[in-house]
PDB file of N, CA and C in Angstrom:
ATOM      1  N   MET A   1       0.707  -1.231   0.051  1.00  0.00           N
ATOM      2  CA  MET A   1       0.074  -0.323   0.118  1.00  0.00           C
ATOM      3  C   MET A   1       1.104   1.333   0.121  1.00  0.00           C
ATOM      4  N   ASN A   2       0.461   2.171  -0.820  1.00  0.00           N
ATOM      5  CA  ASN A   2       1.474   3.492  -0.933  1.00  0.00           C
ATOM      6  C   ASN A   2       0.371   4.477  -0.334  1.00  0.00           C
ATOM      7  N   ALA A   3       0.766   4.628   0.844  1.00  0.00           N
ATOM      8  CA  ALA A   3      -0.221   5.977   1.349  1.00  0.00           C
ATOM      9  C   ALA A   3       1.050   7.008   1.510  1.00  0.00           C
ATOM     10  N   THR A   4       0.472   8.301   1.346  1.00  0.00           N
ATOM     11  CA  THR A   4       1.451   9.334   1.429  1.00  0.00           C
ATOM     12  C   THR A   4       0.931  10.105   2.808  1.00  0.00           C
ATOM     13  N   ASN A   5       2.083  10.424   3.514  1.00  0.00           N
ATOM     14  CA  ASN A   5       2.000  10.892   4.804  1.00  0.00           C
ATOM     15  C   ASN A   5       1.921  12.736   4.590  1.00  0.00           C
ATOM     16  N   THR A   6       0.853  13.041   4.379  1.00  0.00           N
ATOM     17  CA  THR A   6       0.977  14.629   4.359  1.00  0.00           C
ATOM     18  C   THR A   6       0.880  15.292   6.095  1.00  0.00           C
ATOM     19  N   PRO A   7       2.130  15.937   6.016  1.00  0.00           N
ATOM     20  CA  PRO A   7       1.740  16.466   7.663  1.00  0.00           C
ATOM     21  C   PRO A   7       0.592  17.640   7.699  1.00  0.00           C
ATOM     22  N   ALA A   8       0.226  17.519   9.090  1.00  0.00           N
ATOM     23  CA  ALA A   8      -1.166  18.291   9.077  1.00  0.00           C
ATOM     24  C   ALA A   8      -0.615  19.664   9.490  1.00  0.00           C
ATOM     25  N   PRO A   9      -1.203  20.944   8.814  1.00  0.00           N
ATOM     26  CA  PRO A   9      -0.893  22.200   9.165  1.00  0.00           C
ATOM     27  C   PRO A   9      -0.484  22.857  10.534  1.00  0.00           C
ATOM     28  N   LYS A  10       0.664  23.405  10.688  1.00  0.00           N
ATOM     29  CA  LYS A  10       0.901  23.801  12.466  1.00  0.00           C
ATOM     30  C   LYS A  10      -0.258  24.799  12.801  1.00  0.00           C
ATOM     31  N   THR A  11      -0.545  24.725  13.968  1.00  0.00           N
ATOM     32  CA  THR A  11      -1.646  25.520  14.519  1.00  0.00           C
ATOM     33  C   THR A  11      -0.895  26.340  15.567  1.00  0.00           C
ATOM     34  N   ASP A  12       0.437  25.666  15.840  1.00  0.00           N
ATOM     35  CA  ASP A  12       0.832  26.630  16.847  1.00  0.00           C
ATOM     36  C   ASP A  12       1.648  27.813  16.357  1.00  0.00           C
ATOM     37  N   LEU A  13       1.344  29.152  16.507  1.00  0.00           N
ATOM     38  CA  LEU A  13       2.121  30.303  16.180  1.00  0.00           C
ATOM     39  C   LEU A  13       3.097  30.678  16.493  1.00  0.00           C
ATOM     40  N   ALA A  14       3.749  30.136  17.808  1.00  0.00           N
ATOM     41  CA  ALA A  14       4.920  30.738  18.609  1.00  0.00           C
ATOM     42  C   ALA A  14       5.916  30.682  17.873  1.00  0.00           C
ATOM     43  N   VAL A  15       6.536  30.295  17.119  1.00  0.00           N
ATOM     44  CA  VAL A  15       7.907  30.230  16.424  1.00  0.00           C
ATOM     45  C   VAL A  15       7.629  31.374  15.390  1.00  0.00           C
ATOM     46  N   THR A  16       6.576  31.287  14.741  1.00  0.00           N
ATOM     47  CA  THR A  16       6.132  32.285  13.622  1.00  0.00           C
ATOM     48  C   THR A  16       5.900  33.443  14.267  1.00  0.00           C
ATOM     49  N   HIS A  17       5.427  33.644  15.423  1.00  0.00           N
ATOM     50  CA  HIS A  17       5.213  34.910  16.203  1.00  0.00           C
ATOM     51  C   HIS A  17       6.714  35.701  16.791  1.00  0.00           C
ATOM     52  N   VAL A  18       7.347  34.889  17.070  1.00  0.00           N
ATOM     53  CA  VAL A  18       8.890  35.251  17.212  1.00  0.00           C
ATOM     54  C   VAL A  18       9.574  35.845  16.266  1.00  0.00           C
ATOM     55  N   LEU A  19       9.480  35.017  15.089  1.00  0.00           N
ATOM     56  CA  LEU A  19      10.177  35.348  13.995  1.00  0.00           C
ATOM     57  C   LEU A  19       9.775  36.664  13.354  1.00  0.00           C
ATOM     58  N   ALA A  20       8.485  37.004  13.413  1.00  0.00           N
ATOM     59  CA  ALA A  20       7.831  38.110  12.686  1.00  0.00           C
ATOM     60  C   ALA A  20       8.069  39.187  13.646  1.00  0.00           C
ATOM     61  N   GLN A  21       8.143  39.033  14.981  1.00  0.00           N
ATOM     62  CA  GLN A  21       8.456  40.141  15.705  1.00  0.00           C
ATOM     63  C   GLN A  21       9.951  40.478  15.602  1.00  0.00           C
ATOM     64  N   LEU A  22      10.853  39.447  15.444  1.00  0.00           N
ATOM     65  CA  LEU A  22      12.446  39.925  15.232  1.00  0.00           C
ATOM     66  C   LEU A  22      12.275  40.477  13.768  1.00  0.00           C
ATOM     67  N   LEU A  23      11.530  40.078  12.773  1.00  0.00           N
ATOM     68  CA  LEU A  23      11.773  40.799  11.639  1.00  0.00           C
ATOM     69  C   LEU A  23      11.414  42.128  11.496  1.00  0.00           C
ATOM     70  N   GLU A  24      10.257  42.478  12.294  1.00  0.00           N
ATOM     71  CA  GLU A  24       9.987  43.778  12.801  1.00  0.00           C
ATOM     72  C   GLU A  24      10.975  44.782  13.257  1.00  0.00           C
ATOM     73  N   ARG A  25      11.428  44.011  14.168  1.00  0.00           N
ATOM     74  CA  ARG A  25      12.214  44.830  15.053  1.00  0.00           C
ATOM     75  C   ARG A  25      13.751  45.176  14.055  1.00  0.00           C
ATOM     76  N   LEU A  26      14.080  44.370  13.106  1.00  0.00           N
ATOM     77  CA  LEU A  26      15.139  44.296  12.087  1.00  0.00           C
ATOM     78  C   LEU A  26      15.024  45.385  11.233  1.00  0.00           C
ATOM     79  N   ASP A  27      13.661  45.209  10.560  1.00  0.00           N
ATOM     80  CA  ASP A  27      13.103  46.344   9.776  1.00  0.00           C
ATOM     81  C   ASP A  27      13.255  47.833  10.286  1.00  0.00           C
ATOM     82  N   HIS A  28      13.076  48.096  11.535  1.00  0.00           N
ATOM     83  CA  HIS A  28      12.979  49.544  12.280  1.00  0.00           C
ATOM     84  C   HIS A  28      14.106  49.650  13.146  1.00  0.00           C
ATOM     85  N   SER A  29      15.183  48.757  12.725  1.00  0.00           N
ATOM     86  CA  SER A  29      16.582  48.832  13.529  1.00  0.00           C
ATOM     87  C   SER A  29      17.303  50.434  13.366  1.00  0.00           C
ATOM     88  N   ALA A  30      17.541  51.009  14.385  1.00  0.00           N
ATOM     89  CA  ALA A  30      18.392  52.309  14.146  1.00  0.00           C
ATOM     90  C   ALA A  30      19.708  51.938  13.701  1.00  0.00           C
ATOM     91  N   VAL A  31      20.188  50.847  14.230  1.00  0.00           N
ATOM     92  CA  VAL A  31      21.552  50.091  14.145  1.00  0.00           C
ATOM     93  C   VAL A  31      21.538  49.255  12.586  1.00  0.00           C
ATOM     94  N   PRO A  32      22.466  49.674  11.745  1.00  0.00           N
ATOM     95  CA  PRO A  32      22.523  48.727  10.528  1.00  0.00           C
ATOM     96  C   PRO A  32      22.700  47.252  10.808  1.00  0.00           C
ATOM     97  N   VAL A  33      21.970  46.365  10.228  1.00  0.00           N
ATOM     98  CA  VAL A  33      21.483  44.908  10.238  1.00  0.00           C
ATOM     99  C   VAL A  33      22.257  44.237   9.211  1.00  0.00           C
ATOM    100  N   GLY A  34      23.113  43.269   9.442  1.00  0.00           N
ATOM    101  CA  GLY A  34      23.817  42.568   8.549  1.00  0.00           C
ATOM    102  C   GLY A  34      22.975  41.676   7.374  1.00  0.00           C
ATOM    103  N   PRO A  35      23.194  41.759   6.456  1.00  0.00           N
ATOM    104  CA  PRO A  35      22.337  41.175   5.006  1.00  0.00           C
ATOM    105  C   PRO A  35      21.955  39.583   5.605  1.00  0.00           C
ATOM    106  N   GLU A  36      23.189  38.989   6.091  1.00  0.00           N
ATOM    107  CA  GLU A  36      22.928  37.758   6.299  1.00  0.00           C
ATOM    108  C   GLU A  36      22.219  37.229   7.557  1.00  0.00           C
ATOM    109  N   GLN A  37      22.089  38.310   8.371  1.00  0.00           N
ATOM    110  CA  GLN A  37      21.184  38.148   9.749  1.00  0.00           C
ATOM    111  C   GLN A  37      19.736  38.395   9.076  1.00  0.00           C
ATOM    112  N   TYR A  38      19.433  39.198   8.542  1.00  0.00           N
ATOM    113  CA  TYR A  38      18.196  39.753   8.062  1.00  0.00           C
ATOM    114  C   TYR A  38      17.665  38.430   7.100  1.00  0.00           C
ATOM    115  N   ARG A  39      18.600  37.851   5.955  1.00  0.00           N
ATOM    116  CA  ARG A  39      18.169  36.792   5.168  1.00  0.00           C
ATOM    117  C   ARG A  39      17.653  35.689   6.032  1.00  0.00           C
ATOM    118  N   SER A  40      18.494  35.493   7.075  1.00  0.00           N
ATOM    119  CA  SER A  40      18.327  34.086   7.943  1.00  0.00           C
ATOM    120  C   SER A  40      17.013  34.437   8.470  1.00  0.00           C
ATOM    121  N   VAL A  41      16.671  35.407   9.215  1.00  0.00           N
ATOM    122  CA  VAL A  41      15.523  35.638   9.951  1.00  0.00           C
ATOM    123  C   VAL A  41      14.142  35.168   8.668  1.00  0.00           C
ATOM    124  N   VAL A  42      14.357  35.862   7.570  1.00  0.00           N
ATOM    125  CA  VAL A  42      13.219  35.801   6.648  1.00  0.00           C
ATOM    126  C   VAL A  42      13.165  34.422   6.020  1.00  0.00           C
ATOM    127  N   MET A  43      14.154  33.591   5.807  1.00  0.00           N
ATOM    128  CA  MET A  43      14.331  32.325   5.631  1.00  0.00           C
ATOM    129  C   MET A  43      13.859  31.454   6.475  1.00  0.00           C
ATOM    130  N   HIS A  44      14.032  31.537   7.862  1.00  0.00           N
ATOM    131  CA  HIS A  44      13.128  30.918   8.824  1.00  0.00           C
ATOM    132  C   HIS A  44      11.896  31.127   8.777  1.00  0.00           C
ATOM    133  N   LEU A  45      11.343  32.570   8.586  1.00  0.00           N
ATOM    134  CA  LEU A  45      10.159  32.924   8.339  1.00  0.00           C
ATOM    135  C   LEU A  45       9.184  32.116   7.450  1.00  0.00           C
ATOM    136  N   VAL A  46      10.124  32.179   6.380  1.00  0.00           N
ATOM    137  CA  VAL A  46       9.478  31.348   5.070  1.00  0.00           C
ATOM    138  C   VAL A  46       9.059  29.990   5.366  1.00  0.00           C
ATOM    139  N   ASP A  47       9.905  29.297   5.958  1.00  0.00           N
ATOM    140  CA  ASP A  47       9.951  27.775   6.471  1.00  0.00           C
ATOM    141  C   ASP A  47       8.864  27.733   7.076  1.00  0.00           C
ATOM    142  N   GLU A  48       8.586  28.640   8.363  1.00  0.00           N
ATOM    143  CA  GLU A  48       7.382  28.486   9.295  1.00  0.00           C
ATOM    144  C   GLU A  48       5.930  28.760   8.453  1.00  0.00           C
ATOM    145  N   PHE A  49       5.899  29.953   7.442  1.00  0.00           N
ATOM    146  CA  PHE A  49       4.983  30.114   6.664  1.00  0.00           C
ATOM    147  C   PHE A  49       4.479  28.958   5.842  1.00  0.00           C
ATOM    148  N   ARG A  50       5.308  27.823   5.382  1.00  0.00           N
ATOM    149  CA  ARG A  50       4.958  26.911   4.451  1.00  0.00           C
ATOM    150  C   ARG A  50       4.210  25.918   5.485  1.00  0.00           C
ATOM    151  N   ASP A  51       4.531  25.853   6.514  1.00  0.00           N
ATOM    152  CA  ASP A  51       3.758  24.819   7.566  1.00  0.00           C
ATOM    153  C   ASP A  51       2.507  25.316   8.447  1.00  0.00           C
ATOM    154  N   VAL A  52       2.414  26.592   8.437  1.00  0.00           N
ATOM    155  CA  VAL A  52       1.462  27.254   9.270  1.00  0.00           C
ATOM    156  C   VAL A  52       0.139  27.085   8.474  1.00  0.00           C
ATOM    157  N   GLU A  53      -1.183  26.851   9.194  1.00  0.00           N
ATOM    158  CA  GLU A  53      -2.673  26.662   9.096  1.00  0.00           C
ATOM    159  C   GLU A  53      -2.855  28.058   8.951  1.00  0.00           C
ATOM    160  N   PRO A  54      -3.401  28.431   7.472  1.00  0.00           N
ATOM    161  CA  PRO A  54      -4.164  29.755   7.260  1.00  0.00           C
ATOM    162  C   PRO A  54      -5.385  29.989   8.272  1.00  0.00           C
ATOM    163  N   GLY A  55      -5.736  31.345   8.694  1.00  0.00           N
ATOM    164  CA  GLY A  55      -6.992  31.441   9.467  1.00  0.00           C
ATOM    165  C   GLY A  55      -6.863  32.647  10.206  1.00  0.00           C
ATOM    166  N   THR A  56      -7.830  32.639  11.105  1.00  0.00           N
ATOM    167  CA  THR A  56      -7.691  33.987  11.886  1.00  0.00           C
ATOM    168  C   THR A  56      -6.600  34.114  12.661  1.00  0.00           C
ATOM    169  N   ARG A  57      -6.031  33.302  13.398  1.00  0.00           N
ATOM    170  CA  ARG A  57      -4.656  33.498  14.121  1.00  0.00           C
ATOM    171  C   ARG A  57      -3.906  33.801  13.255  1.00  0.00           C
ATOM    172  N   LEU A  58      -3.775  33.428  12.115  1.00  0.00           N
ATOM    173  CA  LEU A  58      -2.447  33.522  11.270  1.00  0.00           C
ATOM    174  C   LEU A  58      -2.658  35.518  10.504  1.00  0.00           C
ATOM    175  N   GLY A  59      -4.157  35.712  10.252  1.00  0.00           N
ATOM    176  CA  GLY A  59      -4.221  36.886   9.872  1.00  0.00           C
ATOM    177  C   GLY A  59      -4.185  37.840  10.868  1.00  0.00           C
ATOM    178  N   GLU A  60      -4.112  37.592  11.999  1.00  0.00           N
ATOM    179  CA  GLU A  60      -3.979  38.558  13.156  1.00  0.00           C
ATOM    180  C   GLU A  60      -2.601  38.884  13.367  1.00  0.00           C
ATOM    181  N   LEU A  61      -1.923  37.675  13.087  1.00  0.00           N
ATOM    182  CA  LEU A  61      -0.361  37.914  13.446  1.00  0.00           C
ATOM    183  C   LEU A  61       0.184  38.964  12.208  1.00  0.00           C
ATOM    184  N   LEU A  62      -0.388  38.502  10.934  1.00  0.00           N
ATOM    185  CA  LEU A  62       0.094  39.233   9.566  1.00  0.00           C
ATOM    186  C   LEU A  62      -0.355  40.837   9.879  1.00  0.00           C
ATOM    187  N   ASP A  63      -1.425  41.056  10.623  1.00  0.00           N
ATOM    188  CA  ASP A  63      -1.996  42.260  10.596  1.00  0.00           C
ATOM    189  C   ASP A  63      -1.430  43.273  11.752  1.00  0.00           C
ATOM    190  N   ALA A  64      -0.577  42.570  12.920  1.00  0.00           N
ATOM    191  CA  ALA A  64       0.164  42.948  13.637  1.00  0.00           C
ATOM    192  C   ALA A  64       1.893  43.315  13.146  1.00  0.00           C
ATOM    193  N   TYR A  65       1.968  42.719  12.188  1.00  0.00           N
ATOM    194  CA  TYR A  65       3.633  42.358  11.861  1.00  0.00           C
ATOM    195  C   TYR A  65       3.423  42.858  10.295  1.00  0.00           C
ATOM    196  N   PRO A  66       3.603  43.949   9.829  1.00  0.00           N
ATOM    197  CA  PRO A  66       3.579  44.309   8.163  1.00  0.00           C
ATOM    198  C   PRO A  66       4.812  43.756   7.674  1.00  0.00           C
ATOM    199  N   ALA A  67       5.953  43.858   8.080  1.00  0.00           N
ATOM    200  CA  ALA A  67       7.199  43.092   7.352  1.00  0.00           C
ATOM    201  C   ALA A  67       6.913  41.561   6.898  1.00  0.00           C
ATOM    202  N   ALA A  68       6.322  40.630   8.055  1.00  0.00           N
ATOM    203  CA  ALA A  68       6.138  39.292   8.012  1.00  0.00           C
ATOM    204  C   ALA A  68       5.027  39.414   6.970  1.00  0.00           C
ATOM    205  N   ALA A  69       3.904  40.415   6.996  1.00  0.00           N
ATOM    206  CA  ALA A  69       2.792  40.272   6.010  1.00  0.00           C
ATOM    207  C   ALA A  69       3.408  40.202   4.522  1.00  0.00           C
ATOM    208  N   GLU A  70       4.268  41.057   4.366  1.00  0.00           N
ATOM    209  CA  GLU A  70       4.761  41.246   2.915  1.00  0.00           C
ATOM    210  C   GLU A  70       5.625  39.958   2.400  1.00  0.00           C
ATOM    211  N   VAL A  71       6.178  39.305   3.425  1.00  0.00           N
ATOM    212  CA  VAL A  71       7.079  38.167   3.182  1.00  0.00           C
ATOM    213  C   VAL A  71       5.651  37.169   2.768  1.00  0.00           C
ATOM    214  N   TYR A  72       4.628  37.087   3.645  1.00  0.00           N
ATOM    215  CA  TYR A  72       3.569  35.953   3.451  1.00  0.00           C
ATOM    216  C   TYR A  72       2.884  36.339   2.132  1.00  0.00           C
ATOM    217  N   GLU A  73       2.705  37.539   1.761  1.00  0.00           N
ATOM    218  CA  GLU A  73       1.972  38.031   0.606  1.00  0.00           C
ATOM    219  C   GLU A  73       2.844  37.510  -0.671  1.00  0.00           C
ATOM    220  N   ASN A  74       4.216  37.905  -0.540  1.00  0.00           N
ATOM    221  CA  ASN A  74       4.931  37.742  -1.739  1.00  0.00           C
ATOM    222  C   ASN A  74       5.297  35.933  -1.914  1.00  0.00           C
ATOM    223  N   LEU A  75       5.111  35.479  -0.914  1.00  0.00           N
ATOM    224  CA  LEU A  75       5.311  33.578  -0.941  1.00  0.00           C
ATOM    225  C   LEU A  75       3.888  33.375  -1.757  1.00  0.00           C
ATOM    226  N   ASN A  76       2.829  33.723  -1.328  1.00  0.00           N
ATOM    227  CA  ASN A  76       1.578  33.264  -1.795  1.00  0.00           C
ATOM    228  C   ASN A  76       0.850  34.162  -2.983  1.00  0.00           C
ATOM    229  N   TYR A  77       1.934  35.024  -3.611  1.00  0.00           N
ATOM    230  CA  TYR A  77       1.489  35.836  -4.784  1.00  0.00           C
ATOM    231  C   TYR A  77       0.800  34.984  -6.046  1.00  0.00           C
ATOM    232  N   GLN A  78       1.210  33.877  -6.356  1.00  0.00           N
ATOM    233  CA  GLN A  78       0.867  33.026  -7.549  1.00  0.00           C
ATOM    234  C   GLN A  78      -0.678  33.064  -7.335  1.00  0.00           C
ATOM    235  N   HIS A  79      -0.746  32.753  -5.971  1.00  0.00           N
ATOM    236  CA  HIS A  79      -2.266  32.196  -5.695  1.00  0.00           C
ATOM    237  C   HIS A  79      -3.325  33.443  -5.473  1.00  0.00           C
ATOM    238  N   ALA A  80      -2.844  34.392  -5.073  1.00  0.00           N
ATOM    239  CA  ALA A  80      -3.945  35.480  -4.606  1.00  0.00           C
ATOM    240  C   ALA A  80      -3.368  36.875  -4.771  1.00  0.00           C
ATOM    241  N   GLY A  81      -2.114  36.867  -5.663  1.00  0.00           N
ATOM    242  CA  GLY A  81      -1.841  38.654  -5.714  1.00  0.00           C
ATOM    243  C   GLY A  81      -1.448  39.126  -4.530  1.00  0.00           C
ATOM    244  N   LEU A  82      -1.709  40.364  -4.573  1.00  0.00           N
ATOM    245  CA  LEU A  82      -1.406  41.128  -3.417  1.00  0.00           C
ATOM    246  C   LEU A  82      -2.663  41.157  -2.572  1.00  0.00           C
ATOM    247  N   CYS A  83      -2.892  39.853  -2.189  1.00  0.00           N
ATOM    248  CA  CYS A  83      -4.374  39.990  -1.439  1.00  0.00           C
ATOM    249  C   CYS A  83      -4.185  40.702   0.038  1.00  0.00           C
ATOM    250  N   ARG A  84      -3.249  41.138   0.737  1.00  0.00           N
ATOM    251  CA  ARG A  84      -3.015  41.569   2.004  1.00  0.00           C
ATOM    252  C   ARG A  84      -2.845  43.042   1.848  1.00  0.00           C
ATOM    253  N   SER A  85      -2.550  43.541   0.798  1.00  0.00           N
ATOM    254  CA  SER A  85      -2.303  45.034   0.341  1.00  0.00           C
ATOM    255  C   SER A  85      -3.389  45.772   0.456  1.00  0.00           C
ATOM    256  N   ALA A  86      -3.533  46.811   1.254  1.00  0.00           N
ATOM    257  CA  ALA A  86      -4.916  47.651   1.342  1.00  0.00           C
ATOM    258  C   ALA A  86      -5.355  48.203   0.153  1.00  0.00           C
ATOM    259  N   LEU A  87      -6.533  47.721  -0.382  1.00  0.00           N
ATOM    260  CA  LEU A  87      -7.164  48.036  -1.766  1.00  0.00           C
ATOM    261  C   LEU A  87      -7.057  49.879  -1.991  1.00  0.00           C
ATOM    262  N   ASP A  88      -7.259  50.445  -0.854  1.00  0.00           N
ATOM    263  CA  ASP A  88      -7.516  52.002  -0.796  1.00  0.00           C
ATOM    264  C   ASP A  88      -6.322  52.661  -1.127  1.00  0.00           C
ATOM    265  N   SER A  89      -5.159  52.301  -0.388  1.00  0.00           N
ATOM    266  CA  SER A  89      -3.808  52.916  -0.664  1.00  0.00           C
ATOM    267  C   SER A  89      -3.327  52.471  -2.139  1.00  0.00           C
ATOM    268  N   SER A  90      -3.524  51.186  -2.543  1.00  0.00           N
ATOM    269  CA  SER A  90      -3.295  51.026  -3.928  1.00  0.00           C
ATOM    270  C   SER A  90      -3.799  51.684  -4.853  1.00  0.00           C
ATOM    271  N   LEU A  91      -5.173  51.801  -4.681  1.00  0.00           N
ATOM    272  CA  LEU A  91      -5.975  52.558  -5.657  1.00  0.00           C
ATOM    273  C   LEU A  91      -5.492  54.000  -5.811  1.00  0.00           C
ATOM    274  N   ALA A  92      -5.333  54.638  -4.583  1.00  0.00           N
ATOM    275  CA  ALA A  92      -4.995  56.043  -4.442  1.00  0.00           C
ATOM    276  C   ALA A  92      -3.617  56.366  -5.026  1.00  0.00           C
ATOM    277  N   ALA A  93      -2.594  55.342  -5.077  1.00  0.00           N
ATOM    278  CA  ALA A  93      -1.204  55.508  -5.592  1.00  0.00           C
ATOM    279  C   ALA A  93      -1.467  55.026  -7.203  1.00  0.00           C
ATOM    280  N   GLU A  94      -2.420  54.306  -7.647  1.00  0.00           N
ATOM    281  CA  GLU A  94      -2.513  54.236  -9.282  1.00  0.00           C
ATOM    282  C   GLU A  94      -3.308  55.549  -9.586  1.00  0.00           C
ATOM    283  N   LEU A  95      -4.064  56.455  -9.109  1.00  0.00           N
ATOM    284  CA  LEU A  95      -4.999  57.416  -9.523  1.00  0.00           C
ATOM    285  C   LEU A  95      -3.653  58.708  -9.153  1.00  0.00           C
ATOM    286  N   GLY A  96      -3.078  58.558  -8.436  1.00  0.00           N
ATOM    287  CA  GLY A  96      -2.020  59.670  -8.030  1.00  0.00           C
ATOM    288  C   GLY A  96      -1.239  59.697  -9.110  1.00  0.00           C
ATOM    289  N   ALA A  97      -0.559  58.250  -9.844  1.00  0.00           N
ATOM    290  CA  ALA A  97       0.458  58.283 -11.062  1.00  0.00           C
ATOM    291  C   ALA A  97      -0.234  58.758 -12.267  1.00  0.00           C
ATOM    292  N   ARG A  98      -1.608  58.307 -12.490  1.00  0.00           N
ATOM    293  CA  ARG A  98      -2.328  58.661 -13.541  1.00  0.00           C
ATOM    294  C   ARG A  98      -2.556  60.139 -13.651  1.00  0.00           C
ATOM    295  N   GLU A  99      -2.753  61.022 -12.330  1.00  0.00           N
ATOM    296  CA  GLU A  99      -2.673  62.437 -12.598  1.00  0.00           C
ATOM    297  C   GLU A  99      -1.563  63.090 -12.960  1.00  0.00           C
ATOM    298  N   ALA A 100      -0.461  62.270 -12.093  1.00  0.00           N
ATOM    299  CA  ALA A 100       1.145  62.805 -12.425  1.00  0.00           C
ATOM    300  C   ALA A 100       1.329  62.866 -13.950  1.00  0.00           C
ATOM    301  N   ILE A 101       1.083  61.584 -14.601  1.00  0.00           N
ATOM    302  CA  ILE A 101       1.206  61.546 -15.727  1.00  0.00           C
ATOM    303  C   ILE A 101       0.479  62.263 -16.855  1.00  0.00           C
ATOM    304  N   ALA A 102      -0.780  62.658 -16.718  1.00  0.00           N
ATOM    305  CA  ALA A 102      -1.725  63.480 -17.381  1.00  0.00           C
ATOM    306  C   ALA A 102      -1.108  65.084 -17.258  1.00  0.00           C
ATOM    307  N   ARG A 103      -0.678  65.444 -16.010  1.00  0.00           N
ATOM    308  CA  ARG A 103      -0.089  66.717 -15.702  1.00  0.00           C
ATOM    309  C   ARG A 103       1.264  66.838 -16.756  1.00  0.00           C
ATOM    310  N   ALA A 104       2.121  66.055 -16.505  1.00  0.00           N
ATOM    311  CA  ALA A 104       3.125  65.752 -17.470  1.00  0.00           C
ATOM    312  C   ALA A 104       2.931  65.860 -18.929  1.00  0.00           C
ATOM    313  N   MET A 105       1.963  65.290 -19.482  1.00  0.00           N
ATOM    314  CA  MET A 105       1.813  65.298 -20.865  1.00  0.00           C
ATOM    315  C   MET A 105       1.216  66.740 -21.228  1.00  0.00           C
ATOM    316  N   ARG A 106       0.407  67.332 -20.249  1.00  0.00           N
ATOM    317  CA  ARG A 106      -0.129  68.643 -20.615  1.00  0.00           C
ATOM    318  C   ARG A 106       0.859  69.956 -20.588  1.00  0.00           C
ATOM    319  N   ARG A 107       2.002  69.366 -20.080  1.00  0.00           N
ATOM    320  CA  ARG A 107       3.026  70.431 -19.618  1.00  0.00           C
ATOM    321  C   ARG A 107       3.725  70.761 -21.211  1.00  0.00           C
ATOM    322  N   PRO A 108       3.801  72.091 -21.756  1.00  0.00           N
ATOM    323  CA  PRO A 108       4.527  72.409 -22.956  1.00  0.00           C
ATOM    324  C   PRO A 108       5.854  72.310 -22.686  1.00  0.00           C
ATOM    325  N   ASP A 109       6.602  71.657 -24.040  1.00  0.00           N
ATOM    326  CA  ASP A 109       7.773  71.024 -24.139  1.00  0.00           C
ATOM    327  C   ASP A 109       8.927  72.460 -24.037  1.00  0.00           C
ATOM    328  N   THR A 110       9.398  72.879 -23.069  1.00  0.00           N
ATOM    329  CA  THR A 110      10.151  73.922 -22.499  1.00  0.00           C
ATOM    330  C   THR A 110      11.406  73.816 -23.369  1.00  0.00           C
ATOM    331  N   ASP A 111      12.017  72.527 -23.596  1.00  0.00           N
ATOM    332  CA  ASP A 111      13.253  72.523 -24.663  1.00  0.00           C
ATOM    333  C   ASP A 111      12.929  73.051 -26.010  1.00  0.00           C
ATOM    334  N   SER A 112      11.716  72.532 -26.791  1.00  0.00           N
ATOM    335  CA  SER A 112      11.521  72.945 -27.987  1.00  0.00           C
ATOM    336  C   SER A 112      11.197  74.515 -28.088  1.00  0.00           C
ATOM    337  N   ALA A 113      10.686  74.770 -26.899  1.00  0.00           N
ATOM    338  CA  ALA A 113      10.488  76.141 -27.108  1.00  0.00           C
ATOM    339  C   ALA A 113      11.554  77.383 -26.968  1.00  0.00           C
ATOM    340  N   ALA A 114      12.515  76.826 -26.131  1.00  0.00           N
ATOM    341  CA  ALA A 114      13.615  77.883 -26.119  1.00  0.00           C
ATOM    342  C   ALA A 114      14.406  77.722 -27.587  1.00  0.00           C
ATOM    343  N   SER A 115      14.297  76.668 -28.603  1.00  0.00           N
ATOM    344  CA  SER A 115      15.170  76.744 -29.373  1.00  0.00           C
ATOM    345  C   SER A 115      14.695  77.617 -30.694  1.00  0.00           C
TER     346      SER A 115
END
């Protein structure tokens, strides 16, 4: 008999919480952080995210730690896109970019006018 053992998703988020908290501290550190240390924390967090059960508790953790939420979103981009990014701020950024482009297109070309 060829049964595959799929491990059950982790429901204990203690390690994930500690890593998310550490990543947040590294992101806001006033002291320069070595790239090896930063990468190590991110890679450990990535490993945790692979095993963690999605749900309310994970959502609360990601809401509390934006740096970890960004890592999580990037890991799951192929399935859900930027699902954790605030739609209002994304829309505002897009509208702002469109307005800036429109203003730039309306501005007379000062280089050709001077010639």
